[in-house]
């Protein structure tokens, strides 16, 4: 994948799911 939304969701190649419940909510 190479699109702006993917880069925004996973900056710098991060594969981590959001850890903050507030962020997830």
PDBML (XML) file of the C-alpha atoms, coordinates in Angstrom:
<?xml version="1.0" encoding="UTF-8" ?>
<PDBx:datablock datablockName="MODEL"
   xmlns:PDBx="http://pdbml.pdb.org/schema/pdbx-v50.xsd"
   xmlns:xsi="http://www.w3.org/2001/XMLSchema-instance"
   xsi:schemaLocation="http://pdbml.pdb.org/schema/pdbx-v50.xsd pdbx-v50.xsd">
   <PDBx:atom_siteCategory>
      <PDBx:atom_site id="1">
         <PDBx:B_iso_or_equiv>0.00</PDBx:B_iso_or_equiv>
         <PDBx:Cartn_x>0.000</PDBx:Cartn_x>
         <PDBx:Cartn_y>0.000</PDBx:Cartn_y>
         <PDBx:Cartn_z>0.000</PDBx:Cartn_z>
         <PDBx:auth_asym_id>A</PDBx:auth_asym_id>
         <PDBx:auth_atom_id>CA</PDBx:auth_atom_id>
         <PDBx:auth_comp_id>UNK</PDBx:auth_comp_id>
         <PDBx:auth_seq_id>1</PDBx:auth_seq_id>
         <PDBx:group_PDB>ATOM</PDBx:group_PDB>
         <PDBx:label_alt_id xsi:nil="true" />
         <PDBx:label_asym_id>A</PDBx:label_asym_id>
         <PDBx:label_atom_id>CA</PDBx:label_atom_id>
         <PDBx:label_comp_id>UNK</PDBx:label_comp_id>
         <PDBx:label_entity_id>1</PDBx:label_entity_id>
         <PDBx:label_seq_id>1</PDBx:label_seq_id>
         <PDBx:occupancy>1.00</PDBx:occupancy>
         <PDBx:pdbx_PDB_model_num>1</PDBx:pdbx_PDB_model_num>
         <PDBx:type_symbol>C</PDBx:type_symbol>
      </PDBx:atom_site>
      <PDBx:atom_site id="2">
         <PDBx:B_iso_or_equiv>0.00</PDBx:B_iso_or_equiv>
         <PDBx:Cartn_x>1.151</PDBx:Cartn_x>
         <PDBx:Cartn_y>3.500</PDBx:Cartn_y>
         <PDBx:Cartn_z>-0.770</PDBx:Cartn_z>
         <PDBx:auth_asym_id>A</PDBx:auth_asym_id>
         <PDBx:auth_atom_id>CA</PDBx:auth_atom_id>
         <PDBx:auth_comp_id>UNK</PDBx:auth_comp_id>
         <PDBx:auth_seq_id>2</PDBx:auth_seq_id>
         <PDBx:group_PDB>ATOM</PDBx:group_PDB>
         <PDBx:label_alt_id xsi:nil="true" />
         <PDBx:label_asym_id>A</PDBx:label_asym_id>
         <PDBx:label_atom_id>CA</PDBx:label_atom_id>
         <PDBx:label_comp_id>UNK</PDBx:label_comp_id>
         <PDBx:label_entity_id>1</PDBx:label_entity_id>
         <PDBx:label_seq_id>2</PDBx:label_seq_id>
         <PDBx:occupancy>1.00</PDBx:occupancy>
         <PDBx:pdbx_PDB_model_num>1</PDBx:pdbx_PDB_model_num>
         <PDBx:type_symbol>C</PDBx:type_symbol>
      </PDBx:atom_site>
      <PDBx:atom_site id="3">
         <PDBx:B_iso_or_equiv>0.00</PDBx:B_iso_or_equiv>
         <PDBx:Cartn_x>-1.472</PDBx:Cartn_x>
         <PDBx:Cartn_y>6.103</PDBx:Cartn_y>
         <PDBx:Cartn_z>-0.017</PDBx:Cartn_z>
         <PDBx:auth_asym_id>A</PDBx:auth_asym_id>
         <PDBx:auth_atom_id>CA</PDBx:auth_atom_id>
         <PDBx:auth_comp_id>UNK</PDBx:auth_comp_id>
         <PDBx:auth_seq_id>3</PDBx:auth_seq_id>
         <PDBx:group_PDB>ATOM</PDBx:group_PDB>
         <PDBx:label_alt_id xsi:nil="true" />
         <PDBx:label_asym_id>A</PDBx:label_asym_id>
         <PDBx:label_atom_id>CA</PDBx:label_atom_id>
         <PDBx:label_comp_id>UNK</PDBx:label_comp_id>
         <PDBx:label_entity_id>1</PDBx:label_entity_id>
         <PDBx:label_seq_id>3</PDBx:label_seq_id>
         <PDBx:occupancy>1.00</PDBx:occupancy>
         <PDBx:pdbx_PDB_model_num>1</PDBx:pdbx_PDB_model_num>
         <PDBx:type_symbol>C</PDBx:type_symbol>
      </PDBx:atom_site>
      <PDBx:atom_site id="4">
         <PDBx:B_iso_or_equiv>0.00</PDBx:B_iso_or_equiv>
         <PDBx:Cartn_x>-1.758</PDBx:Cartn_x>
         <PDBx:Cartn_y>9.126</PDBx:Cartn_y>
         <PDBx:Cartn_z>2.320</PDBx:Cartn_z>
         <PDBx:auth_asym_id>A</PDBx:auth_asym_id>
         <PDBx:auth_atom_id>CA</PDBx:auth_atom_id>
         <PDBx:auth_comp_id>UNK</PDBx:auth_comp_id>
         <PDBx:auth_seq_id>4</PDBx:auth_seq_id>
         <PDBx:group_PDB>ATOM</PDBx:group_PDB>
         <PDBx:label_alt_id xsi:nil="true" />
         <PDBx:label_asym_id>A</PDBx:label_asym_id>
         <PDBx:label_atom_id>CA</PDBx:label_atom_id>
         <PDBx:label_comp_id>UNK</PDBx:label_comp_id>
         <PDBx:label_entity_id>1</PDBx:label_entity_id>
         <PDBx:label_seq_id>4</PDBx:label_seq_id>
         <PDBx:occupancy>1.00</PDBx:occupancy>
         <PDBx:pdbx_PDB_model_num>1</PDBx:pdbx_PDB_model_num>
         <PDBx:type_symbol>C</PDBx:type_symbol>
      </PDBx:atom_site>
      <PDBx:atom_site id="5">
         <PDBx:B_iso_or_equiv>0.00</PDBx:B_iso_or_equiv>
         <PDBx:Cartn_x>-4.407</PDBx:Cartn_x>
         <PDBx:Cartn_y>7.565</PDBx:Cartn_y>
         <PDBx:Cartn_z>4.564</PDBx:Cartn_z>
         <PDBx:auth_asym_id>A</PDBx:auth_asym_id>
         <PDBx:auth_atom_id>CA</PDBx:auth_atom_id>
         <PDBx:auth_comp_id>UNK</PDBx:auth_comp_id>
         <PDBx:auth_seq_id>5</PDBx:auth_seq_id>
         <PDBx:group_PDB>ATOM</PDBx:group_PDB>
         <PDBx:label_alt_id xsi:nil="true" />
         <PDBx:label_asym_id>A</PDBx:label_asym_id>
         <PDBx:label_atom_id>CA</PDBx:label_atom_id>
         <PDBx:label_comp_id>UNK</PDBx:label_comp_id>
         <PDBx:label_entity_id>1</PDBx:label_entity_id>
         <PDBx:label_seq_id>5</PDBx:label_seq_id>
         <PDBx:occupancy>1.00</PDBx:occupancy>
         <PDBx:pdbx_PDB_model_num>1</PDBx:pdbx_PDB_model_num>
         <PDBx:type_symbol>C</PDBx:type_symbol>
      </PDBx:atom_site>
      <PDBx:atom_site id="6">
         <PDBx:B_iso_or_equiv>0.00</PDBx:B_iso_or_equiv>
         <PDBx:Cartn_x>-2.263</PDBx:Cartn_x>
         <PDBx:Cartn_y>4.472</PDBx:Cartn_y>
         <PDBx:Cartn_z>5.178</PDBx:Cartn_z>
         <PDBx:auth_asym_id>A</PDBx:auth_asym_id>
         <PDBx:auth_atom_id>CA</PDBx:auth_atom_id>
         <PDBx:auth_comp_id>UNK</PDBx:auth_comp_id>
         <PDBx:auth_seq_id>6</PDBx:auth_seq_id>
         <PDBx:group_PDB>ATOM</PDBx:group_PDB>
         <PDBx:label_alt_id xsi:nil="true" />
         <PDBx:label_asym_id>A</PDBx:label_asym_id>
         <PDBx:label_atom_id>CA</PDBx:label_atom_id>
         <PDBx:label_comp_id>UNK</PDBx:label_comp_id>
         <PDBx:label_entity_id>1</PDBx:label_entity_id>
         <PDBx:label_seq_id>6</PDBx:label_seq_id>
         <PDBx:occupancy>1.00</PDBx:occupancy>
         <PDBx:pdbx_PDB_model_num>1</PDBx:pdbx_PDB_model_num>
         <PDBx:type_symbol>C</PDBx:type_symbol>
      </PDBx:atom_site>
      <PDBx:atom_site id="7">
         <PDBx:B_iso_or_equiv>0.00</PDBx:B_iso_or_equiv>
         <PDBx:Cartn_x>0.705</PDBx:Cartn_x>
         <PDBx:Cartn_y>6.674</PDBx:Cartn_y>
         <PDBx:Cartn_z>6.061</PDBx:Cartn_z>
         <PDBx:auth_asym_id>A</PDBx:auth_asym_id>
         <PDBx:auth_atom_id>CA</PDBx:auth_atom_id>
         <PDBx:auth_comp_id>UNK</PDBx:auth_comp_id>
         <PDBx:auth_seq_id>7</PDBx:auth_seq_id>
         <PDBx:group_PDB>ATOM</PDBx:group_PDB>
         <PDBx:label_alt_id xsi:nil="true" />
         <PDBx:label_asym_id>A</PDBx:label_asym_id>
         <PDBx:label_atom_id>CA</PDBx:label_atom_id>
         <PDBx:label_comp_id>UNK</PDBx:label_comp_id>
         <PDBx:label_entity_id>1</PDBx:label_entity_id>
         <PDBx:label_seq_id>7</PDBx:label_seq_id>
         <PDBx:occupancy>1.00</PDBx:occupancy>
         <PDBx:pdbx_PDB_model_num>1</PDBx:pdbx_PDB_model_num>
         <PDBx:type_symbol>C</PDBx:type_symbol>
      </PDBx:atom_site>
      <PDBx:atom_site id="8">
         <PDBx:B_iso_or_equiv>0.00</PDBx:B_iso_or_equiv>
         <PDBx:Cartn_x>-1.491</PDBx:Cartn_x>
         <PDBx:Cartn_y>8.714</PDBx:Cartn_y>
         <PDBx:Cartn_z>8.411</PDBx:Cartn_z>
         <PDBx:auth_asym_id>A</PDBx:auth_asym_id>
         <PDBx:auth_atom_id>CA</PDBx:auth_atom_id>
         <PDBx:auth_comp_id>UNK</PDBx:auth_comp_id>
         <PDBx:auth_seq_id>8</PDBx:auth_seq_id>
         <PDBx:group_PDB>ATOM</PDBx:group_PDB>
         <PDBx:label_alt_id xsi:nil="true" />
         <PDBx:label_asym_id>A</PDBx:label_asym_id>
         <PDBx:label_atom_id>CA</PDBx:label_atom_id>
         <PDBx:label_comp_id>UNK</PDBx:label_comp_id>
         <PDBx:label_entity_id>1</PDBx:label_entity_id>
         <PDBx:label_seq_id>8</PDBx:label_seq_id>
         <PDBx:occupancy>1.00</PDBx:occupancy>
         <PDBx:pdbx_PDB_model_num>1</PDBx:pdbx_PDB_model_num>
         <PDBx:type_symbol>C</PDBx:type_symbol>
      </PDBx:atom_site>
      <PDBx:atom_site id="9">
         <PDBx:B_iso_or_equiv>0.00</PDBx:B_iso_or_equiv>
         <PDBx:Cartn_x>-2.773</PDBx:Cartn_x>
         <PDBx:Cartn_y>5.616</PDBx:Cartn_y>
         <PDBx:Cartn_z>10.206</PDBx:Cartn_z>
         <PDBx:auth_asym_id>A</PDBx:auth_asym_id>
         <PDBx:auth_atom_id>CA</PDBx:auth_atom_id>
         <PDBx:auth_comp_id>UNK</PDBx:auth_comp_id>
         <PDBx:auth_seq_id>9</PDBx:auth_seq_id>
         <PDBx:group_PDB>ATOM</PDBx:group_PDB>
         <PDBx:label_alt_id xsi:nil="true" />
         <PDBx:label_asym_id>A</PDBx:label_asym_id>
         <PDBx:label_atom_id>CA</PDBx:label_atom_id>
         <PDBx:label_comp_id>UNK</PDBx:label_comp_id>
         <PDBx:label_entity_id>1</PDBx:label_entity_id>
         <PDBx:label_seq_id>9</PDBx:label_seq_id>
         <PDBx:occupancy>1.00</PDBx:occupancy>
         <PDBx:pdbx_PDB_model_num>1</PDBx:pdbx_PDB_model_num>
         <PDBx:type_symbol>C</PDBx:type_symbol>
      </PDBx:atom_site>
      <PDBx:atom_site id="10">
         <PDBx:B_iso_or_equiv>0.00</PDBx:B_iso_or_equiv>
         <PDBx:Cartn_x>0.677</PDBx:Cartn_x>
         <PDBx:Cartn_y>4.042</PDBx:Cartn_y>
         <PDBx:Cartn_z>10.512</PDBx:Cartn_z>
         <PDBx:auth_asym_id>A</PDBx:auth_asym_id>
         <PDBx:auth_atom_id>CA</PDBx:auth_atom_id>
         <PDBx:auth_comp_id>UNK</PDBx:auth_comp_id>
         <PDBx:auth_seq_id>10</PDBx:auth_seq_id>
         <PDBx:group_PDB>ATOM</PDBx:group_PDB>
         <PDBx:label_alt_id xsi:nil="true" />
         <PDBx:label_asym_id>A</PDBx:label_asym_id>
         <PDBx:label_atom_id>CA</PDBx:label_atom_id>
         <PDBx:label_comp_id>UNK</PDBx:label_comp_id>
         <PDBx:label_entity_id>1</PDBx:label_entity_id>
         <PDBx:label_seq_id>10</PDBx:label_seq_id>
         <PDBx:occupancy>1.00</PDBx:occupancy>
         <PDBx:pdbx_PDB_model_num>1</PDBx:pdbx_PDB_model_num>
         <PDBx:type_symbol>C</PDBx:type_symbol>
      </PDBx:atom_site>
      <PDBx:atom_site id="11">
         <PDBx:B_iso_or_equiv>0.00</PDBx:B_iso_or_equiv>
         <PDBx:Cartn_x>3.278</PDBx:Cartn_x>
         <PDBx:Cartn_y>6.821</PDBx:Cartn_y>
         <PDBx:Cartn_z>10.644</PDBx:Cartn_z>
         <PDBx:auth_asym_id>A</PDBx:auth_asym_id>
         <PDBx:auth_atom_id>CA</PDBx:auth_atom_id>
         <PDBx:auth_comp_id>UNK</PDBx:auth_comp_id>
         <PDBx:auth_seq_id>11</PDBx:auth_seq_id>
         <PDBx:group_PDB>ATOM</PDBx:group_PDB>
         <PDBx:label_alt_id xsi:nil="true" />
         <PDBx:label_asym_id>A</PDBx:label_asym_id>
         <PDBx:label_atom_id>CA</PDBx:label_atom_id>
         <PDBx:label_comp_id>UNK</PDBx:label_comp_id>
         <PDBx:label_entity_id>1</PDBx:label_entity_id>
         <PDBx:label_seq_id>11</PDBx:label_seq_id>
         <PDBx:occupancy>1.00</PDBx:occupancy>
         <PDBx:pdbx_PDB_model_num>1</PDBx:pdbx_PDB_model_num>
         <PDBx:type_symbol>C</PDBx:type_symbol>
      </PDBx:atom_site>
      <PDBx:atom_site id="12">
         <PDBx:B_iso_or_equiv>0.00</PDBx:B_iso_or_equiv>
         <PDBx:Cartn_x>6.926</PDBx:Cartn_x>
         <PDBx:Cartn_y>5.817</PDBx:Cartn_y>
         <PDBx:Cartn_z>10.242</PDBx:Cartn_z>
         <PDBx:auth_asym_id>A</PDBx:auth_asym_id>
         <PDBx:auth_atom_id>CA</PDBx:auth_atom_id>
         <PDBx:auth_comp_id>UNK</PDBx:auth_comp_id>
         <PDBx:auth_seq_id>12</PDBx:auth_seq_id>
         <PDBx:group_PDB>ATOM</PDBx:group_PDB>
         <PDBx:label_alt_id xsi:nil="true" />
         <PDBx:label_asym_id>A</PDBx:label_asym_id>
         <PDBx:label_atom_id>CA</PDBx:label_atom_id>
         <PDBx:label_comp_id>UNK</PDBx:label_comp_id>
         <PDBx:label_entity_id>1</PDBx:label_entity_id>
         <PDBx:label_seq_id>12</PDBx:label_seq_id>
         <PDBx:occupancy>1.00</PDBx:occupancy>
         <PDBx:pdbx_PDB_model_num>1</PDBx:pdbx_PDB_model_num>
         <PDBx:type_symbol>C</PDBx:type_symbol>
      </PDBx:atom_site>
      <PDBx:atom_site id="13">
         <PDBx:B_iso_or_equiv>0.00</PDBx:B_iso_or_equiv>
         <PDBx:Cartn_x>5.930</PDBx:Cartn_x>
         <PDBx:Cartn_y>2.266</PDBx:Cartn_y>
         <PDBx:Cartn_z>9.479</PDBx:Cartn_z>
         <PDBx:auth_asym_id>A</PDBx:auth_asym_id>
         <PDBx:auth_atom_id>CA</PDBx:auth_atom_id>
         <PDBx:auth_comp_id>UNK</PDBx:auth_comp_id>
         <PDBx:auth_seq_id>13</PDBx:auth_seq_id>
         <PDBx:group_PDB>ATOM</PDBx:group_PDB>
         <PDBx:label_alt_id xsi:nil="true" />
         <PDBx:label_asym_id>A</PDBx:label_asym_id>
         <PDBx:label_atom_id>CA</PDBx:label_atom_id>
         <PDBx:label_comp_id>UNK</PDBx:label_comp_id>
         <PDBx:label_entity_id>1</PDBx:label_entity_id>
         <PDBx:label_seq_id>13</PDBx:label_seq_id>
         <PDBx:occupancy>1.00</PDBx:occupancy>
         <PDBx:pdbx_PDB_model_num>1</PDBx:pdbx_PDB_model_num>
         <PDBx:type_symbol>C</PDBx:type_symbol>
      </PDBx:atom_site>
      <PDBx:atom_site id="14">
         <PDBx:B_iso_or_equiv>0.00</PDBx:B_iso_or_equiv>
         <PDBx:Cartn_x>4.283</PDBx:Cartn_x>
         <PDBx:Cartn_y>1.670</PDBx:Cartn_y>
         <PDBx:Cartn_z>12.880</PDBx:Cartn_z>
         <PDBx:auth_asym_id>A</PDBx:auth_asym_id>
         <PDBx:auth_atom_id>CA</PDBx:auth_atom_id>
         <PDBx:auth_comp_id>UNK</PDBx:auth_comp_id>
         <PDBx:auth_seq_id>14</PDBx:auth_seq_id>
         <PDBx:group_PDB>ATOM</PDBx:group_PDB>
         <PDBx:label_alt_id xsi:nil="true" />
         <PDBx:label_asym_id>A</PDBx:label_asym_id>
         <PDBx:label_atom_id>CA</PDBx:label_atom_id>
         <PDBx:label_comp_id>UNK</PDBx:label_comp_id>
         <PDBx:label_entity_id>1</PDBx:label_entity_id>
         <PDBx:label_seq_id>14</PDBx:label_seq_id>
         <PDBx:occupancy>1.00</PDBx:occupancy>
         <PDBx:pdbx_PDB_model_num>1</PDBx:pdbx_PDB_model_num>
         <PDBx:type_symbol>C</PDBx:type_symbol>
      </PDBx:atom_site>
      <PDBx:atom_site id="15">
         <PDBx:B_iso_or_equiv>0.00</PDBx:B_iso_or_equiv>
         <PDBx:Cartn_x>2.237</PDBx:Cartn_x>
         <PDBx:Cartn_y>-1.515</PDBx:Cartn_y>
         <PDBx:Cartn_z>13.044</PDBx:Cartn_z>
         <PDBx:auth_asym_id>A</PDBx:auth_asym_id>
         <PDBx:auth_atom_id>CA</PDBx:auth_atom_id>
         <PDBx:auth_comp_id>UNK</PDBx:auth_comp_id>
         <PDBx:auth_seq_id>15</PDBx:auth_seq_id>
         <PDBx:group_PDB>ATOM</PDBx:group_PDB>
         <PDBx:label_alt_id xsi:nil="true" />
         <PDBx:label_asym_id>A</PDBx:label_asym_id>
         <PDBx:label_atom_id>CA</PDBx:label_atom_id>
         <PDBx:label_comp_id>UNK</PDBx:label_comp_id>
         <PDBx:label_entity_id>1</PDBx:label_entity_id>
         <PDBx:label_seq_id>15</PDBx:label_seq_id>
         <PDBx:occupancy>1.00</PDBx:occupancy>
         <PDBx:pdbx_PDB_model_num>1</PDBx:pdbx_PDB_model_num>
         <PDBx:type_symbol>C</PDBx:type_symbol>
      </PDBx:atom_site>
      <PDBx:atom_site id="16">
         <PDBx:B_iso_or_equiv>0.00</PDBx:B_iso_or_equiv>
         <PDBx:Cartn_x>0.833</PDBx:Cartn_x>
         <PDBx:Cartn_y>-0.914</PDBx:Cartn_y>
         <PDBx:Cartn_z>16.520</PDBx:Cartn_z>
         <PDBx:auth_asym_id>A</PDBx:auth_asym_id>
         <PDBx:auth_atom_id>CA</PDBx:auth_atom_id>
         <PDBx:auth_comp_id>UNK</PDBx:auth_comp_id>
         <PDBx:auth_seq_id>16</PDBx:auth_seq_id>
         <PDBx:group_PDB>ATOM</PDBx:group_PDB>
         <PDBx:label_alt_id xsi:nil="true" />
         <PDBx:label_asym_id>A</PDBx:label_asym_id>
         <PDBx:label_atom_id>CA</PDBx:label_atom_id>
         <PDBx:label_comp_id>UNK</PDBx:label_comp_id>
         <PDBx:label_entity_id>1</PDBx:label_entity_id>
         <PDBx:label_seq_id>16</PDBx:label_seq_id>
         <PDBx:occupancy>1.00</PDBx:occupancy>
         <PDBx:pdbx_PDB_model_num>1</PDBx:pdbx_PDB_model_num>
         <PDBx:type_symbol>C</PDBx:type_symbol>
      </PDBx:atom_site>
      <PDBx:atom_site id="17">
         <PDBx:B_iso_or_equiv>0.00</PDBx:B_iso_or_equiv>
         <PDBx:Cartn_x>-2.877</PDBx:Cartn_x>
         <PDBx:Cartn_y>-0.769</PDBx:Cartn_y>
         <PDBx:Cartn_z>17.160</PDBx:Cartn_z>
         <PDBx:auth_asym_id>A</PDBx:auth_asym_id>
         <PDBx:auth_atom_id>CA</PDBx:auth_atom_id>
         <PDBx:auth_comp_id>UNK</PDBx:auth_comp_id>
         <PDBx:auth_seq_id>17</PDBx:auth_seq_id>
         <PDBx:group_PDB>ATOM</PDBx:group_PDB>
         <PDBx:label_alt_id xsi:nil="true" />
         <PDBx:label_asym_id>A</PDBx:label_asym_id>
         <PDBx:label_atom_id>CA</PDBx:label_atom_id>
         <PDBx:label_comp_id>UNK</PDBx:label_comp_id>
         <PDBx:label_entity_id>1</PDBx:label_entity_id>
         <PDBx:label_seq_id>17</PDBx:label_seq_id>
         <PDBx:occupancy>1.00</PDBx:occupancy>
         <PDBx:pdbx_PDB_model_num>1</PDBx:pdbx_PDB_model_num>
         <PDBx:type_symbol>C</PDBx:type_symbol>
      </PDBx:atom_site>
      <PDBx:atom_site id="18">
         <PDBx:B_iso_or_equiv>0.00</PDBx:B_iso_or_equiv>
         <PDBx:Cartn_x>-3.962</PDBx:Cartn_x>
         <PDBx:Cartn_y>2.349</PDBx:Cartn_y>
         <PDBx:Cartn_z>19.171</PDBx:Cartn_z>
         <PDBx:auth_asym_id>A</PDBx:auth_asym_id>
         <PDBx:auth_atom_id>CA</PDBx:auth_atom_id>
         <PDBx:auth_comp_id>UNK</PDBx:auth_comp_id>
         <PDBx:auth_seq_id>18</PDBx:auth_seq_id>
         <PDBx:group_PDB>ATOM</PDBx:group_PDB>
         <PDBx:label_alt_id xsi:nil="true" />
         <PDBx:label_asym_id>A</PDBx:label_asym_id>
         <PDBx:label_atom_id>CA</PDBx:label_atom_id>
         <PDBx:label_comp_id>UNK</PDBx:label_comp_id>
         <PDBx:label_entity_id>1</PDBx:label_entity_id>
         <PDBx:label_seq_id>18</PDBx:label_seq_id>
         <PDBx:occupancy>1.00</PDBx:occupancy>
         <PDBx:pdbx_PDB_model_num>1</PDBx:pdbx_PDB_model_num>
         <PDBx:type_symbol>C</PDBx:type_symbol>
      </PDBx:atom_site>
      <PDBx:atom_site id="19">
         <PDBx:B_iso_or_equiv>0.00</PDBx:B_iso_or_equiv>
         <PDBx:Cartn_x>-3.184</PDBx:Cartn_x>
         <PDBx:Cartn_y>1.688</PDBx:Cartn_y>
         <PDBx:Cartn_z>22.814</PDBx:Cartn_z>
         <PDBx:auth_asym_id>A</PDBx:auth_asym_id>
         <PDBx:auth_atom_id>CA</PDBx:auth_atom_id>
         <PDBx:auth_comp_id>UNK</PDBx:auth_comp_id>
         <PDBx:auth_seq_id>19</PDBx:auth_seq_id>
         <PDBx:group_PDB>ATOM</PDBx:group_PDB>
         <PDBx:label_alt_id xsi:nil="true" />
         <PDBx:label_asym_id>A</PDBx:label_asym_id>
         <PDBx:label_atom_id>CA</PDBx:label_atom_id>
         <PDBx:label_comp_id>UNK</PDBx:label_comp_id>
         <PDBx:label_entity_id>1</PDBx:label_entity_id>
         <PDBx:label_seq_id>19</PDBx:label_seq_id>
         <PDBx:occupancy>1.00</PDBx:occupancy>
         <PDBx:pdbx_PDB_model_num>1</PDBx:pdbx_PDB_model_num>
         <PDBx:type_symbol>C</PDBx:type_symbol>
      </PDBx:atom_site>
      <PDBx:atom_site id="20">
         <PDBx:B_iso_or_equiv>0.00</PDBx:B_iso_or_equiv>
         <PDBx:Cartn_x>-5.317</PDBx:Cartn_x>
         <PDBx:Cartn_y>4.432</PDBx:Cartn_y>
         <PDBx:Cartn_z>24.320</PDBx:Cartn_z>
         <PDBx:auth_asym_id>A</PDBx:auth_asym_id>
         <PDBx:auth_atom_id>CA</PDBx:auth_atom_id>
         <PDBx:auth_comp_id>UNK</PDBx:auth_comp_id>
         <PDBx:auth_seq_id>20</PDBx:auth_seq_id>
         <PDBx:group_PDB>ATOM</PDBx:group_PDB>
         <PDBx:label_alt_id xsi:nil="true" />
         <PDBx:label_asym_id>A</PDBx:label_asym_id>
         <PDBx:label_atom_id>CA</PDBx:label_atom_id>
         <PDBx:label_comp_id>UNK</PDBx:label_comp_id>
         <PDBx:label_entity_id>1</PDBx:label_entity_id>
         <PDBx:label_seq_id>20</PDBx:label_seq_id>
         <PDBx:occupancy>1.00</PDBx:occupancy>
         <PDBx:pdbx_PDB_model_num>1</PDBx:pdbx_PDB_model_num>
         <PDBx:type_symbol>C</PDBx:type_symbol>
      </PDBx:atom_site>
      <PDBx:atom_site id="21">
         <PDBx:B_iso_or_equiv>0.00</PDBx:B_iso_or_equiv>
         <PDBx:Cartn_x>-8.956</PDBx:Cartn_x>
         <PDBx:Cartn_y>3.468</PDBx:Cartn_y>
         <PDBx:Cartn_z>24.830</PDBx:Cartn_z>
         <PDBx:auth_asym_id>A</PDBx:auth_asym_id>
         <PDBx:auth_atom_id>CA</PDBx:auth_atom_id>
         <PDBx:auth_comp_id>UNK</PDBx:auth_comp_id>
         <PDBx:auth_seq_id>21</PDBx:auth_seq_id>
         <PDBx:group_PDB>ATOM</PDBx:group_PDB>
         <PDBx:label_alt_id xsi:nil="true" />
         <PDBx:label_asym_id>A</PDBx:label_asym_id>
         <PDBx:label_atom_id>CA</PDBx:label_atom_id>
         <PDBx:label_comp_id>UNK</PDBx:label_comp_id>
         <PDBx:label_entity_id>1</PDBx:label_entity_id>
         <PDBx:label_seq_id>21</PDBx:label_seq_id>
         <PDBx:occupancy>1.00</PDBx:occupancy>
         <PDBx:pdbx_PDB_model_num>1</PDBx:pdbx_PDB_model_num>
         <PDBx:type_symbol>C</PDBx:type_symbol>
      </PDBx:atom_site>
      <PDBx:atom_site id="22">
         <PDBx:B_iso_or_equiv>0.00</PDBx:B_iso_or_equiv>
         <PDBx:Cartn_x>-9.907</PDBx:Cartn_x>
         <PDBx:Cartn_y>7.097</PDBx:Cartn_y>
         <PDBx:Cartn_z>24.316</PDBx:Cartn_z>
         <PDBx:auth_asym_id>A</PDBx:auth_asym_id>
         <PDBx:auth_atom_id>CA</PDBx:auth_atom_id>
         <PDBx:auth_comp_id>UNK</PDBx:auth_comp_id>
         <PDBx:auth_seq_id>22</PDBx:auth_seq_id>
         <PDBx:group_PDB>ATOM</PDBx:group_PDB>
         <PDBx:label_alt_id xsi:nil="true" />
         <PDBx:label_asym_id>A</PDBx:label_asym_id>
         <PDBx:label_atom_id>CA</PDBx:label_atom_id>
         <PDBx:label_comp_id>UNK</PDBx:label_comp_id>
         <PDBx:label_entity_id>1</PDBx:label_entity_id>
         <PDBx:label_seq_id>22</PDBx:label_seq_id>
         <PDBx:occupancy>1.00</PDBx:occupancy>
         <PDBx:pdbx_PDB_model_num>1</PDBx:pdbx_PDB_model_num>
         <PDBx:type_symbol>C</PDBx:type_symbol>
      </PDBx:atom_site>
      <PDBx:atom_site id="23">
         <PDBx:B_iso_or_equiv>0.00</PDBx:B_iso_or_equiv>
         <PDBx:Cartn_x>-8.021</PDBx:Cartn_x>
         <PDBx:Cartn_y>7.213</PDBx:Cartn_y>
         <PDBx:Cartn_z>21.029</PDBx:Cartn_z>
         <PDBx:auth_asym_id>A</PDBx:auth_asym_id>
         <PDBx:auth_atom_id>CA</PDBx:auth_atom_id>
         <PDBx:auth_comp_id>UNK</PDBx:auth_comp_id>
         <PDBx:auth_seq_id>23</PDBx:auth_seq_id>
         <PDBx:group_PDB>ATOM</PDBx:group_PDB>
         <PDBx:label_alt_id xsi:nil="true" />
         <PDBx:label_asym_id>A</PDBx:label_asym_id>
         <PDBx:label_atom_id>CA</PDBx:label_atom_id>
         <PDBx:label_comp_id>UNK</PDBx:label_comp_id>
         <PDBx:label_entity_id>1</PDBx:label_entity_id>
         <PDBx:label_seq_id>23</PDBx:label_seq_id>
         <PDBx:occupancy>1.00</PDBx:occupancy>
         <PDBx:pdbx_PDB_model_num>1</PDBx:pdbx_PDB_model_num>
         <PDBx:type_symbol>C</PDBx:type_symbol>
      </PDBx:atom_site>
      <PDBx:atom_site id="24">
         <PDBx:B_iso_or_equiv>0.00</PDBx:B_iso_or_equiv>
         <PDBx:Cartn_x>-9.701</PDBx:Cartn_x>
         <PDBx:Cartn_y>4.020</PDBx:Cartn_y>
         <PDBx:Cartn_z>19.925</PDBx:Cartn_z>
         <PDBx:auth_asym_id>A</PDBx:auth_asym_id>
         <PDBx:auth_atom_id>CA</PDBx:auth_atom_id>
         <PDBx:auth_comp_id>UNK</PDBx:auth_comp_id>
         <PDBx:auth_seq_id>24</PDBx:auth_seq_id>
         <PDBx:group_PDB>ATOM</PDBx:group_PDB>
         <PDBx:label_alt_id xsi:nil="true" />
         <PDBx:label_asym_id>A</PDBx:label_asym_id>
         <PDBx:label_atom_id>CA</PDBx:label_atom_id>
         <PDBx:label_comp_id>UNK</PDBx:label_comp_id>
         <PDBx:label_entity_id>1</PDBx:label_entity_id>
         <PDBx:label_seq_id>24</PDBx:label_seq_id>
         <PDBx:occupancy>1.00</PDBx:occupancy>
         <PDBx:pdbx_PDB_model_num>1</PDBx:pdbx_PDB_model_num>
         <PDBx:type_symbol>C</PDBx:type_symbol>
      </PDBx:atom_site>
      <PDBx:atom_site id="25">
         <PDBx:B_iso_or_equiv>0.00</PDBx:B_iso_or_equiv>
         <PDBx:Cartn_x>-13.127</PDBx:Cartn_x>
         <PDBx:Cartn_y>5.256</PDBx:Cartn_y>
         <PDBx:Cartn_z>20.959</PDBx:Cartn_z>
         <PDBx:auth_asym_id>A</PDBx:auth_asym_id>
         <PDBx:auth_atom_id>CA</PDBx:auth_atom_id>
         <PDBx:auth_comp_id>UNK</PDBx:auth_comp_id>
         <PDBx:auth_seq_id>25</PDBx:auth_seq_id>
         <PDBx:group_PDB>ATOM</PDBx:group_PDB>
         <PDBx:label_alt_id xsi:nil="true" />
         <PDBx:label_asym_id>A</PDBx:label_asym_id>
         <PDBx:label_atom_id>CA</PDBx:label_atom_id>
         <PDBx:label_comp_id>UNK</PDBx:label_comp_id>
         <PDBx:label_entity_id>1</PDBx:label_entity_id>
         <PDBx:label_seq_id>25</PDBx:label_seq_id>
         <PDBx:occupancy>1.00</PDBx:occupancy>
         <PDBx:pdbx_PDB_model_num>1</PDBx:pdbx_PDB_model_num>
         <PDBx:type_symbol>C</PDBx:type_symbol>
      </PDBx:atom_site>
   </PDBx:atom_siteCategory>
</PDBx:datablock>
